[in-house]
Amino acid sequence: MLQLAAVHHVAIICSDYETSKHFYTNILGLTILGEVHRAERQSCKLDLAVNGRYQIELFSFPNPPKRPSRPEALGLRHLAFAVTDLDSAVTSLNEHGVATEPIRVDEHTGRRFTFFADPDDLPLELYEVGEQVK
């Protein structure tokens, strides 16, 4: 059987590179690991760290096609971020003008969560995990 070690990264294609860069770094607080401008492809790639551990690759390409994301479109459903204090995370998003859905409780785990969207309407989730994030 295949032995996967971990999720290495998640790749996101955005429509407006500077807007998405601002959102993921200044609003969500991800750390820039590296940035590459590829003139031959009219593209940029931004490598981001989540809590120093996981990586998100943010790409820009000219005129990317739209991808349906709601309601419950086939494919990747959403990207979830673990947080230790959901209420303060929601407050921070709201203070930056990011709308969040009402907080819900996972019926199987009893954990609280909410959804919001990035600048391209990619569905994102905040999932409260308690004091330790692993």
Foldseek 3Di string as FASTA:
>chain_A
DDDDDDDAEAEEEDADVVQLVCCVCVQVNWDWPDKDQDVVQNKIWTWTHDVNPHTYIYMYGPPDDDDDQPDVDPDDNAAEDEDADVVVSQVSCVVVVWDKDDWDADPVPRWIKIWTAGPSRGIYMYTHDHDDDD
